Amino acid sequence: MNKNIYVGNLSWGCTDQDLRNLFADFGEVASARVIEDRETGRSRGFGFVEMDADGATQAIEALNGTSFQGRDLRVNEAQPRERRPRY
């Protein structure tokens, strides 16, 4: 079963492939995506990686707080998105 990992404090130049390469050392990466602003297309500074559960646990422990592309990463298991009221 795969786990979804939140990766925060990414550099503005980080790509989906950069994320995939970073996490590939820990197991099979199903998907890696840097979240972009809908209007500008610019990175929002965070992303998500989906990978096997064992690899995810190892990656979180190994990568949280480490420097990547000049930024200290925040890496943890992704939490379900909170529902926001529509106005």
PDB file of N, CA and C in Angstrom:
ATOM      1  N   MET A   1       0.842  -1.187   0.000  1.00  0.00           N
ATOM      2  CA  MET A   1       0.000   0.000   0.000  1.00  0.00           C
ATOM      3  C   MET A   1       0.889   1.253   0.000  1.00  0.00           C
ATOM      4  N   ASN A   2       0.511   2.230  -0.791  1.00  0.00           N
ATOM      5  CA  ASN A   2       1.290   3.464  -0.901  1.00  0.00           C
ATOM      6  C   ASN A   2       0.899   4.476   0.163  1.00  0.00           C
ATOM      7  N   LYS A   3       1.870   5.340   0.498  1.00  0.00           N
ATOM      8  CA  LYS A   3       1.631   6.450   1.413  1.00  0.00           C
ATOM      9  C   LYS A   3       1.878   7.746   0.657  1.00  0.00           C
ATOM     10  N   ASN A   4       1.152   8.769   1.059  1.00  0.00           N
ATOM     11  CA  ASN A   4       1.307  10.093   0.472  1.00  0.00           C
ATOM     12  C   ASN A   4       2.143  10.940   1.432  1.00  0.00           C
ATOM     13  N   ILE A   5       3.196  11.551   0.929  1.00  0.00           N
ATOM     14  CA  ILE A   5       4.132  12.326   1.741  1.00  0.00           C
ATOM     15  C   ILE A   5       4.058  13.791   1.335  1.00  0.00           C
ATOM     16  N   TYR A   6       3.973  14.659   2.344  1.00  0.00           N
ATOM     17  CA  TYR A   6       4.027  16.116   2.137  1.00  0.00           C
ATOM     18  C   TYR A   6       5.496  16.537   2.189  1.00  0.00           C
ATOM     19  N   VAL A   7       5.925  17.344   1.233  1.00  0.00           N
ATOM     20  CA  VAL A   7       7.288  17.874   1.208  1.00  0.00           C
ATOM     21  C   VAL A   7       7.191  19.396   1.131  1.00  0.00           C
ATOM     22  N   GLY A   8       7.571  20.070   2.207  1.00  0.00           N
ATOM     23  CA  GLY A   8       7.452  21.523   2.269  1.00  0.00           C
ATOM     24  C   GLY A   8       8.787  22.224   2.251  1.00  0.00           C
ATOM     25  N   ASN A   9       8.745  23.525   2.009  1.00  0.00           N
ATOM     26  CA  ASN A   9       9.905  24.413   1.953  1.00  0.00           C
ATOM     27  C   ASN A   9      10.808  24.084   0.766  1.00  0.00           C
ATOM     28  N   LEU A  10      10.191  23.721  -0.359  1.00  0.00           N
ATOM     29  CA  LEU A  10      10.949  23.441  -1.578  1.00  0.00           C
ATOM     30  C   LEU A  10      11.458  24.734  -2.197  1.00  0.00           C
ATOM     31  N   SER A  11      12.590  24.653  -2.879  1.00  0.00           N
ATOM     32  CA  SER A  11      13.093  25.818  -3.608  1.00  0.00           C
ATOM     33  C   SER A  11      12.132  26.104  -4.765  1.00  0.00           C
ATOM     34  N   TRP A  12      12.105  27.342  -5.206  1.00  0.00           N
ATOM     35  CA  TRP A  12      11.176  27.735  -6.276  1.00  0.00           C
ATOM     36  C   TRP A  12      11.491  27.024  -7.588  1.00  0.00           C
ATOM     37  N   GLY A  13      12.730  26.586  -7.772  1.00  0.00           N
ATOM     38  CA  GLY A  13      13.126  25.930  -9.012  1.00  0.00           C
ATOM     39  C   GLY A  13      12.964  24.417  -9.007  1.00  0.00           C
ATOM     40  N   CYS A  14      12.495  23.848  -7.920  1.00  0.00           N
ATOM     41  CA  CYS A  14      12.358  22.389  -7.815  1.00  0.00           C
ATOM     42  C   CYS A  14      11.291  21.877  -8.782  1.00  0.00           C
ATOM     43  N   THR A  15      11.601  20.775  -9.473  1.00  0.00           N
ATOM     44  CA  THR A  15      10.664  20.181 -10.434  1.00  0.00           C
ATOM     45  C   THR A  15      10.135  18.845  -9.922  1.00  0.00           C
ATOM     46  N   ASP A  16       9.112  18.331 -10.599  1.00  0.00           N
ATOM     47  CA  ASP A  16       8.576  17.005 -10.277  1.00  0.00           C
ATOM     48  C   ASP A  16       9.685  15.954 -10.353  1.00  0.00           C
ATOM     49  N   GLN A  17      10.526  16.051 -11.378  1.00  0.00           N
ATOM     50  CA  GLN A  17      11.609  15.079 -11.552  1.00  0.00           C
ATOM     51  C   GLN A  17      12.636  15.174 -10.432  1.00  0.00           C
ATOM     52  N   ASP A  18      12.927  16.390  -9.959  1.00  0.00           N
ATOM     53  CA  ASP A  18      13.842  16.556  -8.820  1.00  0.00           C
ATOM     54  C   ASP A  18      13.308  15.814  -7.598  1.00  0.00           C
ATOM     55  N   LEU A  19      12.017  15.970  -7.339  1.00  0.00           N
ATOM     56  CA  LEU A  19      11.387  15.282  -6.202  1.00  0.00           C
ATOM     57  C   LEU A  19      11.457  13.771  -6.371  1.00  0.00           C
ATOM     58  N   ARG A  20      11.120  13.303  -7.557  1.00  0.00           N
ATOM     59  CA  ARG A  20      11.159  11.861  -7.845  1.00  0.00           C
ATOM     60  C   ARG A  20      12.564  11.311  -7.604  1.00  0.00           C
ATOM     61  N   ASN A  21      13.587  12.009  -8.093  1.00  0.00           N
ATOM     62  CA  ASN A  21      14.970  11.567  -7.921  1.00  0.00           C
ATOM     63  C   ASN A  21      15.376  11.540  -6.454  1.00  0.00           C
ATOM     64  N   LEU A  22      14.954  12.541  -5.689  1.00  0.00           N
ATOM     65  CA  LEU A  22      15.299  12.623  -4.274  1.00  0.00           C
ATOM     66  C   LEU A  22      14.752  11.429  -3.494  1.00  0.00           C
ATOM     67  N   PHE A  23      13.515  11.042  -3.792  1.00  0.00           N
ATOM     68  CA  PHE A  23      12.859   9.975  -3.032  1.00  0.00           C
ATOM     69  C   PHE A  23      13.130   8.579  -3.592  1.00  0.00           C
ATOM     70  N   ALA A  24      13.643   8.475  -4.807  1.00  0.00           N
ATOM     71  CA  ALA A  24      13.862   7.170  -5.450  1.00  0.00           C
ATOM     72  C   ALA A  24      14.843   6.291  -4.684  1.00  0.00           C
ATOM     73  N   ASP A  25      15.757   6.890  -3.918  1.00  0.00           N
ATOM     74  CA  ASP A  25      16.721   6.107  -3.142  1.00  0.00           C
ATOM     75  C   ASP A  25      16.052   5.289  -2.035  1.00  0.00           C
ATOM     76  N   PHE A  26      14.819   5.628  -1.695  1.00  0.00           N
ATOM     77  CA  PHE A  26      14.150   4.990  -0.565  1.00  0.00           C
ATOM     78  C   PHE A  26      13.099   3.960  -0.970  1.00  0.00           C
ATOM     79  N   GLY A  27      12.779   3.868  -2.243  1.00  0.00           N
ATOM     80  CA  GLY A  27      11.795   2.891  -2.695  1.00  0.00           C
ATOM     81  C   GLY A  27      11.136   3.308  -3.994  1.00  0.00           C
ATOM     82  N   GLU A  28      10.097   2.572  -4.335  1.00  0.00           N
ATOM     83  CA  GLU A  28       9.360   2.795  -5.587  1.00  0.00           C
ATOM     84  C   GLU A  28       8.475   4.031  -5.461  1.00  0.00           C
ATOM     85  N   VAL A  29       8.751   5.044  -6.292  1.00  0.00           N
ATOM     86  CA  VAL A  29       7.960   6.280  -6.286  1.00  0.00           C
ATOM     87  C   VAL A  29       6.838   6.149  -7.320  1.00  0.00           C
ATOM     88  N   ALA A  30       5.594   6.192  -6.847  1.00  0.00           N
ATOM     89  CA  ALA A  30       4.447   6.098  -7.749  1.00  0.00           C
ATOM     90  C   ALA A  30       4.182   7.441  -8.433  1.00  0.00           C
ATOM     91  N   SER A  31       4.335   8.525  -7.680  1.00  0.00           N
ATOM     92  CA  SER A  31       4.151   9.855  -8.261  1.00  0.00           C
ATOM     93  C   SER A  31       4.892  10.886  -7.418  1.00  0.00           C
ATOM     94  N   ALA A  32       5.278  11.975  -8.066  1.00  0.00           N
ATOM     95  CA  ALA A  32       5.945  13.096  -7.394  1.00  0.00           C
ATOM     96  C   ALA A  32       5.470  14.362  -8.085  1.00  0.00           C
ATOM     97  N   ARG A  33       4.941  15.305  -7.297  1.00  0.00           N
ATOM     98  CA  ARG A  33       4.353  16.493  -7.906  1.00  0.00           C
ATOM     99  C   ARG A  33       4.624  17.736  -7.070  1.00  0.00           C
ATOM    100  N   VAL A  34       5.184  18.749  -7.703  1.00  0.00           N
ATOM    101  CA  VAL A  34       5.348  20.058  -7.086  1.00  0.00           C
ATOM    102  C   VAL A  34       4.065  20.829  -7.377  1.00  0.00           C
ATOM    103  N   ILE A  35       3.461  21.395  -6.350  1.00  0.00           N
ATOM    104  CA  ILE A  35       2.199  22.116  -6.511  1.00  0.00           C
ATOM    105  C   ILE A  35       2.489  23.528  -7.035  1.00  0.00           C
ATOM    106  N   GLU A  36       1.747  23.907  -8.076  1.00  0.00           N
ATOM    107  CA  GLU A  36       1.934  25.211  -8.709  1.00  0.00           C
ATOM    108  C   GLU A  36       0.696  26.078  -8.537  1.00  0.00           C
ATOM    109  N   ASP A  37       0.911  27.387  -8.532  1.00  0.00           N
ATOM    110  CA  ASP A  37      -0.183  28.346  -8.491  1.00  0.00           C
ATOM    111  C   ASP A  37      -0.975  28.239  -9.791  1.00  0.00           C
ATOM    112  N   ARG A  38      -2.280  28.180  -9.701  1.00  0.00           N
ATOM    113  CA  ARG A  38      -3.127  28.020 -10.904  1.00  0.00           C
ATOM    114  C   ARG A  38      -2.990  29.170 -11.881  1.00  0.00           C
ATOM    115  N   GLU A  39      -2.858  30.375 -11.351  1.00  0.00           N
ATOM    116  CA  GLU A  39      -2.842  31.547 -12.221  1.00  0.00           C
ATOM    117  C   GLU A  39      -1.467  31.842 -12.807  1.00  0.00           C
ATOM    118  N   THR A  40      -0.417  31.695 -11.999  1.00  0.00           N
ATOM    119  CA  THR A  40       0.921  32.085 -12.461  1.00  0.00           C
ATOM    120  C   THR A  40       1.755  30.904 -12.949  1.00  0.00           C
ATOM    121  N   GLY A  41       1.419  29.684 -12.522  1.00  0.00           N
ATOM    122  CA  GLY A  41       2.202  28.521 -12.887  1.00  0.00           C
ATOM    123  C   GLY A  41       3.482  28.386 -12.080  1.00  0.00           C
ATOM    124  N   ARG A  42       3.689  29.292 -11.141  1.00  0.00           N
ATOM    125  CA  ARG A  42       4.889  29.288 -10.299  1.00  0.00           C
ATOM    126  C   ARG A  42       4.707  28.306  -9.141  1.00  0.00           C
ATOM    127  N   SER A  43       5.800  27.670  -8.739  1.00  0.00           N
ATOM    128  CA  SER A  43       5.769  26.741  -7.617  1.00  0.00           C
ATOM    129  C   SER A  43       5.229  27.426  -6.366  1.00  0.00           C
ATOM    130  N   ARG A  44       4.459  26.680  -5.576  1.00  0.00           N
ATOM    131  CA  ARG A  44       3.964  27.210  -4.307  1.00  0.00           C
ATOM    132  C   ARG A  44       4.882  26.805  -3.155  1.00  0.00           C
ATOM    133  N   GLY A  45       5.989  26.104  -3.470  1.00  0.00           N
ATOM    134  CA  GLY A  45       6.981  25.787  -2.449  1.00  0.00           C
ATOM    135  C   GLY A  45       6.730  24.497  -1.689  1.00  0.00           C
ATOM    136  N   PHE A  46       5.789  23.696  -2.173  1.00  0.00           N
ATOM    137  CA  PHE A  46       5.558  22.395  -1.551  1.00  0.00           C
ATOM    138  C   PHE A  46       5.100  21.399  -2.593  1.00  0.00           C
ATOM    139  N   GLY A  47       5.115  20.133  -2.216  1.00  0.00           N
ATOM    140  CA  GLY A  47       4.691  19.093  -3.141  1.00  0.00           C
ATOM    141  C   GLY A  47       4.321  17.822  -2.405  1.00  0.00           C
ATOM    142  N   PHE A  48       3.981  16.800  -3.178  1.00  0.00           N
ATOM    143  CA  PHE A  48       3.573  15.512  -2.622  1.00  0.00           C
ATOM    144  C   PHE A  48       4.260  14.393  -3.382  1.00  0.00           C
ATOM    145  N   VAL A  49       4.653  13.377  -2.636  1.00  0.00           N
ATOM    146  CA  VAL A  49       5.261  12.186  -3.214  1.00  0.00           C
ATOM    147  C   VAL A  49       4.465  10.995  -2.729  1.00  0.00           C
ATOM    148  N   GLU A  50       4.083  10.122  -3.651  1.00  0.00           N
ATOM    149  CA  GLU A  50       3.388   8.894  -3.285  1.00  0.00           C
ATOM    150  C   GLU A  50       4.339   7.737  -3.541  1.00  0.00           C
ATOM    151  N   MET A  51       4.537   6.914  -2.505  1.00  0.00           N
ATOM    152  CA  MET A  51       5.465   5.793  -2.639  1.00  0.00           C
ATOM    153  C   MET A  51       5.090   4.675  -1.672  1.00  0.00           C
ATOM    154  N   ASP A  52       5.779   3.530  -1.794  1.00  0.00           N
ATOM    155  CA  ASP A  52       5.474   2.380  -0.943  1.00  0.00           C
ATOM    156  C   ASP A  52       5.668   2.754   0.533  1.00  0.00           C
ATOM    157  N   ALA A  53       4.899   2.111   1.410  1.00  0.00           N
ATOM    158  CA  ALA A  53       4.845   2.476   2.828  1.00  0.00           C
ATOM    159  C   ALA A  53       6.199   2.371   3.519  1.00  0.00           C
ATOM    160  N   ASP A  54       6.948   1.291   3.280  1.00  0.00           N
ATOM    161  CA  ASP A  54       8.256   1.136   3.931  1.00  0.00           C
ATOM    162  C   ASP A  54       9.220   2.224   3.485  1.00  0.00           C
ATOM    163  N   GLY A  55       9.258   2.474   2.188  1.00  0.00           N
ATOM    164  CA  GLY A  55      10.124   3.521   1.656  1.00  0.00           C
ATOM    165  C   GLY A  55       9.734   4.891   2.170  1.00  0.00           C
ATOM    166  N   ALA A  56       8.422   5.124   2.311  1.00  0.00           N
ATOM    167  CA  ALA A  56       7.932   6.411   2.794  1.00  0.00           C
ATOM    168  C   ALA A  56       8.413   6.668   4.213  1.00  0.00           C
ATOM    169  N   THR A  57       8.319   5.665   5.061  1.00  0.00           N
ATOM    170  CA  THR A  57       8.763   5.806   6.446  1.00  0.00           C
ATOM    171  C   THR A  57      10.253   6.126   6.496  1.00  0.00           C
ATOM    172  N   GLN A  58      11.041   5.417   5.711  1.00  0.00           N
ATOM    173  CA  GLN A  58      12.486   5.662   5.666  1.00  0.00           C
ATOM    174  C   GLN A  58      12.792   7.061   5.130  1.00  0.00           C
ATOM    175  N   ALA A  59      12.091   7.461   4.078  1.00  0.00           N
ATOM    176  CA  ALA A  59      12.328   8.767   3.468  1.00  0.00           C
ATOM    177  C   ALA A  59      11.994   9.895   4.437  1.00  0.00           C
ATOM    178  N   ILE A  60      10.880   9.778   5.147  1.00  0.00           N
ATOM    179  CA  ILE A  60      10.479  10.817   6.107  1.00  0.00           C
ATOM    180  C   ILE A  60      11.558  10.967   7.174  1.00  0.00           C
ATOM    181  N   GLU A  61      12.011   9.845   7.729  1.00  0.00           N
ATOM    182  CA  GLU A  61      13.036   9.889   8.777  1.00  0.00           C
ATOM    183  C   GLU A  61      14.352  10.460   8.251  1.00  0.00           C
ATOM    184  N   ALA A  62      14.727  10.082   7.047  1.00  0.00           N
ATOM    185  CA  ALA A  62      16.020  10.494   6.499  1.00  0.00           C
ATOM    186  C   ALA A  62      16.035  11.932   5.975  1.00  0.00           C
ATOM    187  N   LEU A  63      14.923  12.391   5.401  1.00  0.00           N
ATOM    188  CA  LEU A  63      14.935  13.671   4.680  1.00  0.00           C
ATOM    189  C   LEU A  63      14.394  14.860   5.462  1.00  0.00           C
ATOM    190  N   ASN A  64      13.575  14.632   6.482  1.00  0.00           N
ATOM    191  CA  ASN A  64      13.002  15.752   7.225  1.00  0.00           C
ATOM    192  C   ASN A  64      14.116  16.567   7.880  1.00  0.00           C
ATOM    193  N   GLY A  65      14.153  17.859   7.565  1.00  0.00           N
ATOM    194  CA  GLY A  65      15.151  18.759   8.125  1.00  0.00           C
ATOM    195  C   GLY A  65      16.455  18.830   7.351  1.00  0.00           C
ATOM    196  N   THR A  66      16.595  18.023   6.299  1.00  0.00           N
ATOM    197  CA  THR A  66      17.824  18.057   5.517  1.00  0.00           C
ATOM    198  C   THR A  66      17.765  19.159   4.462  1.00  0.00           C
ATOM    199  N   SER A  67      18.930  19.574   4.009  1.00  0.00           N
ATOM    200  CA  SER A  67      19.017  20.635   3.012  1.00  0.00           C
ATOM    201  C   SER A  67      18.926  20.037   1.612  1.00  0.00           C
ATOM    202  N   PHE A  68      18.085  20.634   0.776  1.00  0.00           N
ATOM    203  CA  PHE A  68      17.926  20.224  -0.615  1.00  0.00           C
ATOM    204  C   PHE A  68      17.757  21.481  -1.446  1.00  0.00           C
ATOM    205  N   GLN A  69      18.620  21.677  -2.408  1.00  0.00           N
ATOM    206  CA  GLN A  69      18.621  22.866  -3.272  1.00  0.00           C
ATOM    207  C   GLN A  69      18.628  24.153  -2.436  1.00  0.00           C
ATOM    208  N   GLY A  70      19.389  24.108  -1.328  1.00  0.00           N
ATOM    209  CA  GLY A  70      19.563  25.297  -0.503  1.00  0.00           C
ATOM    210  C   GLY A  70      18.464  25.569   0.507  1.00  0.00           C
ATOM    211  N   ARG A  71      17.508  24.677   0.649  1.00  0.00           N
ATOM    212  CA  ARG A  71      16.399  24.872   1.596  1.00  0.00           C
ATOM    213  C   ARG A  71      16.305  23.668   2.524  1.00  0.00           C
ATOM    214  N   ASP A  72      15.944  23.891   3.797  1.00  0.00           N
ATOM    215  CA  ASP A  72      15.738  22.803   4.751  1.00  0.00           C
ATOM    216  C   ASP A  72      14.319  22.265   4.584  1.00  0.00           C
ATOM    217  N   LEU A  73      14.218  21.010   4.179  1.00  0.00           N
ATOM    218  CA  LEU A  73      12.926  20.406   3.870  1.00  0.00           C
ATOM    219  C   LEU A  73      12.110  20.081   5.116  1.00  0.00           C
ATOM    220  N   ARG A  74      10.792  20.172   4.964  1.00  0.00           N
ATOM    221  CA  ARG A  74       9.848  19.643   5.949  1.00  0.00           C
ATOM    222  C   ARG A  74       9.166  18.462   5.268  1.00  0.00           C
ATOM    223  N   VAL A  75       9.382  17.275   5.823  1.00  0.00           N
ATOM    224  CA  VAL A  75       8.867  16.053   5.206  1.00  0.00           C
ATOM    225  C   VAL A  75       8.080  15.278   6.244  1.00  0.00           C
ATOM    226  N   ASN A  76       6.802  15.017   5.963  1.00  0.00           N
ATOM    227  CA  ASN A  76       5.987  14.203   6.859  1.00  0.00           C
ATOM    228  C   ASN A  76       4.842  13.563   6.088  1.00  0.00           C
ATOM    229  N   GLU A  77       4.132  12.670   6.761  1.00  0.00           N
ATOM    230  CA  GLU A  77       3.008  12.019   6.103  1.00  0.00           C
ATOM    231  C   GLU A  77       1.926  13.058   5.836  1.00  0.00           C
ATOM    232  N   ALA A  78       1.393  13.066   4.641  1.00  0.00           N
ATOM    233  CA  ALA A  78       0.373  14.049   4.263  1.00  0.00           C
ATOM    234  C   ALA A  78      -0.900  13.808   5.051  1.00  0.00           C
ATOM    235  N   GLN A  79      -1.525  14.893   5.466  1.00  0.00           N
ATOM    236  CA  GLN A  79      -2.798  14.832   6.181  1.00  0.00           C
ATOM    237  C   GLN A  79      -3.922  15.164   5.201  1.00  0.00           C
ATOM    238  N   PRO A  80      -5.106  14.599   5.429  1.00  0.00           N
ATOM    239  CA  PRO A  80      -6.229  14.934   4.538  1.00  0.00           C
ATOM    240  C   PRO A  80      -6.495  16.439   4.557  1.00  0.00           C
ATOM    241  N   ARG A  81      -6.834  16.958   3.412  1.00  0.00           N
ATOM    242  CA  ARG A  81      -7.092  18.392   3.281  1.00  0.00           C
ATOM    243  C   ARG A  81      -8.354  18.767   4.042  1.00  0.00           C
ATOM    244  N   GLU A  82      -8.255  19.867   4.799  1.00  0.00           N
ATOM    245  CA  GLU A  82      -9.430  20.329   5.535  1.00  0.00           C
ATOM    246  C   GLU A  82     -10.424  20.947   4.567  1.00  0.00           C
ATOM    247  N   ARG A  83     -11.684  20.695   4.833  1.00  0.00           N
ATOM    248  CA  ARG A  83     -12.719  21.294   3.991  1.00  0.00           C
ATOM    249  C   ARG A  83     -12.892  22.746   4.377  1.00  0.00           C
ATOM    250  N   ARG A  84     -12.921  23.599   3.360  1.00  0.00           N
ATOM    251  CA  ARG A  84     -13.117  25.011   3.582  1.00  0.00           C
ATOM    252  C   ARG A  84     -14.503  25.393   3.058  1.00  0.00           C
ATOM    253  N   PRO A  85     -15.198  26.250   3.803  1.00  0.00           N
ATOM    254  CA  PRO A  85     -16.537  26.654   3.316  1.00  0.00           C
ATOM    255  C   PRO A  85     -16.429  27.476   2.055  1.00  0.00           C
ATOM    256  N   ARG A  86     -17.394  27.303   1.180  1.00  0.00           N
ATOM    257  CA  ARG A  86     -17.446  28.098  -0.058  1.00  0.00           C
ATOM    258  C   ARG A  86     -18.330  29.308   0.183  1.00  0.00           C
ATOM    259  N   TYR A  87     -17.886  30.440  -0.324  1.00  0.00           N
ATOM    260  CA  TYR A  87     -18.661  31.678  -0.160  1.00  0.00           C
ATOM    261  C   TYR A  87     -19.299  32.098  -1.434  1.00  0.00           C
TER     262      TYR A  87
END
